[in-house]
Amino acid sequence: DVMEIGSSPLPMGAVVPVKVLGSLELIDEGETDHKIIAIRVDDPDAYRINDMSSLEYAKPGITEKLIDWLKMYKTSDGKGVNELAQEYPTTKTEAIGIIEECHQRWQALRSGGSNTHGFYLGR
């Protein structure tokens, strides 16, 4: 999942070029669910935001708001507070590594080199 933190909303499911800034790691039903934090490359603030430190400098308090939102968003459905693997985001480099690892797994799944039981691959 990608959380785009730009200046204006995007339609749900939109595919746009982004700069990866970091990630947060939500624990969902015992498994890590990576939430990549990014900004659209055409956002007015993108020129000055390149990682989590510059994001926090440009938009003070946003990291805390993202963490709070991830912890609380399921409570509106009557569920408990979510847990994060850590209370701070990963680095840009770590987040890119997560994306690369997930992409490699997807490629293996698509090529049949991985267990595809239960996955619809659109063939």
C-alpha atoms as a PDB file:
ATOM      1  CA  ASP A   1       0.000   0.000   0.000  1.00  0.00           C
ATOM      2  CA  VAL A   2       1.150   3.543  -0.712  1.00  0.00           C
ATOM      3  CA  MET A   3       0.187   6.577   1.338  1.00  0.00           C
ATOM      4  CA  GLU A   4       0.687   9.612  -0.896  1.00  0.00           C
ATOM      5  CA  ILE A   5       1.067  12.737   1.240  1.00  0.00           C
ATOM      6  CA  GLY A   6       0.724  15.398  -1.445  1.00  0.00           C
ATOM      7  CA  SER A   7      -1.075  18.715  -1.338  1.00  0.00           C
ATOM      8  CA  SER A   8      -4.290  17.503  -2.957  1.00  0.00           C
ATOM      9  CA  PRO A   9      -6.271  14.245  -3.034  1.00  0.00           C
ATOM     10  CA  LEU A  10      -5.991  11.623  -5.752  1.00  0.00           C
ATOM     11  CA  PRO A  11      -8.815   9.403  -6.948  1.00  0.00           C
ATOM     12  CA  MET A  12      -8.778   5.999  -5.233  1.00  0.00           C
ATOM     13  CA  GLY A  13      -6.652   3.587  -7.249  1.00  0.00           C
ATOM     14  CA  ALA A  14      -4.868   6.339  -9.182  1.00  0.00           C
ATOM     15  CA  VAL A  15      -1.488   5.396 -10.622  1.00  0.00           C
ATOM     16  CA  VAL A  16       0.938   8.332 -10.663  1.00  0.00           C
ATOM     17  CA  PRO A  17       4.725   8.744 -10.527  1.00  0.00           C
ATOM     18  CA  VAL A  18       5.945   9.271  -6.947  1.00  0.00           C
ATOM     19  CA  LYS A  19       9.088   9.742  -4.895  1.00  0.00           C
ATOM     20  CA  VAL A  20       9.436   7.160  -2.123  1.00  0.00           C
ATOM     21  CA  LEU A  21      10.171   8.769   1.252  1.00  0.00           C
ATOM     22  CA  GLY A  22       9.987   5.891   3.766  1.00  0.00           C
ATOM     23  CA  SER A  23       7.472   3.425   5.162  1.00  0.00           C
ATOM     24  CA  LEU A  24       5.548   2.429   8.251  1.00  0.00           C
ATOM     25  CA  GLU A  25       4.994  -1.185   9.231  1.00  0.00           C
ATOM     26  CA  LEU A  26       1.490  -2.009  10.385  1.00  0.00           C
ATOM     27  CA  ILE A  27       0.962  -5.359  12.108  1.00  0.00           C
ATOM     28  CA  ASP A  28      -2.278  -6.711  10.646  1.00  0.00           C
ATOM     29  CA  GLU A  29      -3.518 -10.070  11.958  1.00  0.00           C
ATOM     30  CA  GLY A  30       0.035 -11.010  12.954  1.00  0.00           C
ATOM     31  CA  GLU A  31       1.624 -10.122   9.602  1.00  0.00           C
ATOM     32  CA  THR A  32       3.603  -7.057   8.601  1.00  0.00           C
ATOM     33  CA  ASP A  33       1.701  -4.801   6.208  1.00  0.00           C
ATOM     34  CA  HIS A  34       4.100  -2.256   4.739  1.00  0.00           C
ATOM     35  CA  LYS A  35       2.703   1.212   4.131  1.00  0.00           C
ATOM     36  CA  ILE A  36       4.984   3.072   1.730  1.00  0.00           C
ATOM     37  CA  ILE A  37       5.042   6.848   2.227  1.00  0.00           C
ATOM     38  CA  ALA A  38       5.470   8.823  -0.988  1.00  0.00           C
ATOM     39  CA  ILE A  39       4.804  12.155  -2.658  1.00  0.00           C
ATOM     40  CA  ARG A  40       3.699  12.720  -6.256  1.00  0.00           C
ATOM     41  CA  VAL A  41       6.551  13.976  -8.403  1.00  0.00           C
ATOM     42  CA  ASP A  42       4.325  16.799  -9.696  1.00  0.00           C
ATOM     43  CA  ASP A  43       3.274  17.977  -6.215  1.00  0.00           C
ATOM     44  CA  PRO A  44       4.207  21.627  -5.532  1.00  0.00           C
ATOM     45  CA  ASP A  45       6.263  20.494  -2.498  1.00  0.00           C
ATOM     46  CA  ALA A  46       8.006  17.545  -4.202  1.00  0.00           C
ATOM     47  CA  TYR A  47      11.112  19.578  -5.061  1.00  0.00           C
ATOM     48  CA  ARG A  48      11.891  20.054  -1.366  1.00  0.00           C
ATOM     49  CA  ILE A  49      10.757  16.678   0.013  1.00  0.00           C
ATOM     50  CA  ASN A  50      13.138  13.773  -0.623  1.00  0.00           C
ATOM     51  CA  ASP A  51      12.973  11.610   2.509  1.00  0.00           C
ATOM     52  CA  MET A  52      11.221  11.430   5.873  1.00  0.00           C
ATOM     53  CA  SER A  53      13.424  14.128   7.425  1.00  0.00           C
ATOM     54  CA  SER A  54      12.694  16.658   4.696  1.00  0.00           C
ATOM     55  CA  LEU A  55       8.995  15.671   4.802  1.00  0.00           C
ATOM     56  CA  GLU A  56       8.872  16.472   8.504  1.00  0.00           C
ATOM     57  CA  TYR A  57      10.723  19.752   7.896  1.00  0.00           C
ATOM     58  CA  ALA A  58       8.298  20.785   5.126  1.00  0.00           C
ATOM     59  CA  LYS A  59       5.160  19.510   6.886  1.00  0.00           C
ATOM     60  CA  PRO A  60       5.819  19.523  10.640  1.00  0.00           C
ATOM     61  CA  GLY A  61       3.869  16.878  12.564  1.00  0.00           C
ATOM     62  CA  ILE A  62       2.855  14.812   9.534  1.00  0.00           C
ATOM     63  CA  THR A  63       4.755  11.705  10.634  1.00  0.00           C
ATOM     64  CA  GLU A  64       2.935  11.692  13.968  1.00  0.00           C
ATOM     65  CA  LYS A  65      -0.393  12.154  12.144  1.00  0.00           C
ATOM     66  CA  LEU A  66       0.329   9.229   9.809  1.00  0.00           C
ATOM     67  CA  ILE A  67       1.239   6.994  12.750  1.00  0.00           C
ATOM     68  CA  ASP A  68      -1.891   8.031  14.651  1.00  0.00           C
ATOM     69  CA  TRP A  69      -4.110   7.442  11.596  1.00  0.00           C
ATOM     70  CA  LEU A  70      -2.666   3.966  10.995  1.00  0.00           C
ATOM     71  CA  LYS A  71      -3.202   3.021  14.618  1.00  0.00           C
ATOM     72  CA  MET A  72      -6.751   4.334  14.798  1.00  0.00           C
ATOM     73  CA  TYR A  73      -8.411   3.920  11.396  1.00  0.00           C
ATOM     74  CA  LYS A  74     -10.035   0.548  12.125  1.00  0.00           C
ATOM     75  CA  THR A  75     -11.521   1.699  15.435  1.00  0.00           C
ATOM     76  CA  SER A  76     -14.395   3.347  13.539  1.00  0.00           C
ATOM     77  CA  ASP A  77     -15.441  -0.204  12.597  1.00  0.00           C
ATOM     78  CA  GLY A  78     -15.442  -1.248  16.262  1.00  0.00           C
ATOM     79  CA  LYS A  79     -12.025  -2.922  16.047  1.00  0.00           C
ATOM     80  CA  GLY A  80      -9.123  -2.331  18.411  1.00  0.00           C
ATOM     81  CA  VAL A  81      -6.181   0.012  17.983  1.00  0.00           C
ATOM     82  CA  ASN A  82      -3.688  -1.217  15.384  1.00  0.00           C
ATOM     83  CA  GLU A  83      -0.107  -2.033  16.289  1.00  0.00           C
ATOM     84  CA  LEU A  84       2.978  -0.852  14.417  1.00  0.00           C
ATOM     85  CA  ALA A  85       6.242  -2.795  14.259  1.00  0.00           C
ATOM     86  CA  GLN A  86       8.008   0.408  15.346  1.00  0.00           C
ATOM     87  CA  GLU A  87       6.927   3.923  16.242  1.00  0.00           C
ATOM     88  CA  TYR A  88       8.997   5.595  13.537  1.00  0.00           C
ATOM     89  CA  PRO A  89       9.218   5.245   9.757  1.00  0.00           C
ATOM     90  CA  THR A  90      11.863   3.336   7.863  1.00  0.00           C
ATOM     91  CA  THR A  91      14.383   5.214   5.753  1.00  0.00           C
ATOM     92  CA  LYS A  92      13.903   5.876   2.066  1.00  0.00           C
ATOM     93  CA  THR A  93      16.520   3.211   1.292  1.00  0.00           C
ATOM     94  CA  GLU A  94      14.734   0.628   3.457  1.00  0.00           C
ATOM     95  CA  ALA A  95      11.386   1.449   1.839  1.00  0.00           C
ATOM     96  CA  ILE A  96      12.835   1.044  -1.653  1.00  0.00           C
ATOM     97  CA  GLY A  97      14.246  -2.317  -0.531  1.00  0.00           C
ATOM     98  CA  ILE A  98      10.757  -3.374   0.610  1.00  0.00           C
ATOM     99  CA  ILE A  99       9.324  -2.390  -2.785  1.00  0.00           C
ATOM    100  CA  GLU A 100      12.053  -4.314  -4.614  1.00  0.00           C
ATOM    101  CA  GLU A 101      11.495  -7.424  -2.483  1.00  0.00           C
ATOM    102  CA  CYS A 102       7.723  -7.310  -3.052  1.00  0.00           C
ATOM    103  CA  HIS A 103       8.264  -6.835  -6.788  1.00  0.00           C
ATOM    104  CA  GLN A 104      10.571  -9.881  -6.912  1.00  0.00           C
ATOM    105  CA  ARG A 105       7.934 -11.958  -5.111  1.00  0.00           C
ATOM    106  CA  TRP A 106       5.268 -10.752  -7.551  1.00  0.00           C
ATOM    107  CA  GLN A 107       7.479 -11.652 -10.515  1.00  0.00           C
ATOM    108  CA  ALA A 108       8.054 -15.153  -9.087  1.00  0.00           C
ATOM    109  CA  LEU A 109       4.330 -15.560  -8.530  1.00  0.00           C
ATOM    110  CA  ARG A 110       3.513 -14.460 -12.098  1.00  0.00           C
ATOM    111  CA  SER A 111       6.146 -16.752 -13.605  1.00  0.00           C
ATOM    112  CA  GLY A 112       4.887 -19.782 -11.695  1.00  0.00           C
ATOM    113  CA  GLY A 113       8.082 -20.002  -9.643  1.00  0.00           C
ATOM    114  CA  SER A 114       6.134 -19.503  -6.458  1.00  0.00           C
ATOM    115  CA  ASN A 115       3.116 -21.169  -4.851  1.00  0.00           C
ATOM    116  CA  THR A 116       0.086 -19.677  -6.614  1.00  0.00           C
ATOM    117  CA  HIS A 117      -2.573 -21.569  -4.663  1.00  0.00           C
ATOM    118  CA  GLY A 118      -5.417 -19.173  -3.893  1.00  0.00           C
ATOM    119  CA  PHE A 119      -4.151 -16.374  -6.167  1.00  0.00           C
ATOM    120  CA  TYR A 120      -5.939 -15.290  -9.321  1.00  0.00           C
ATOM    121  CA  LEU A 121      -3.268 -14.251 -11.787  1.00  0.00           C
ATOM    122  CA  GLY A 122      -5.500 -13.177 -14.661  1.00  0.00           C
ATOM    123  CA  ARG A 123      -4.198 -15.725 -17.157  1.00  0.00           C
END
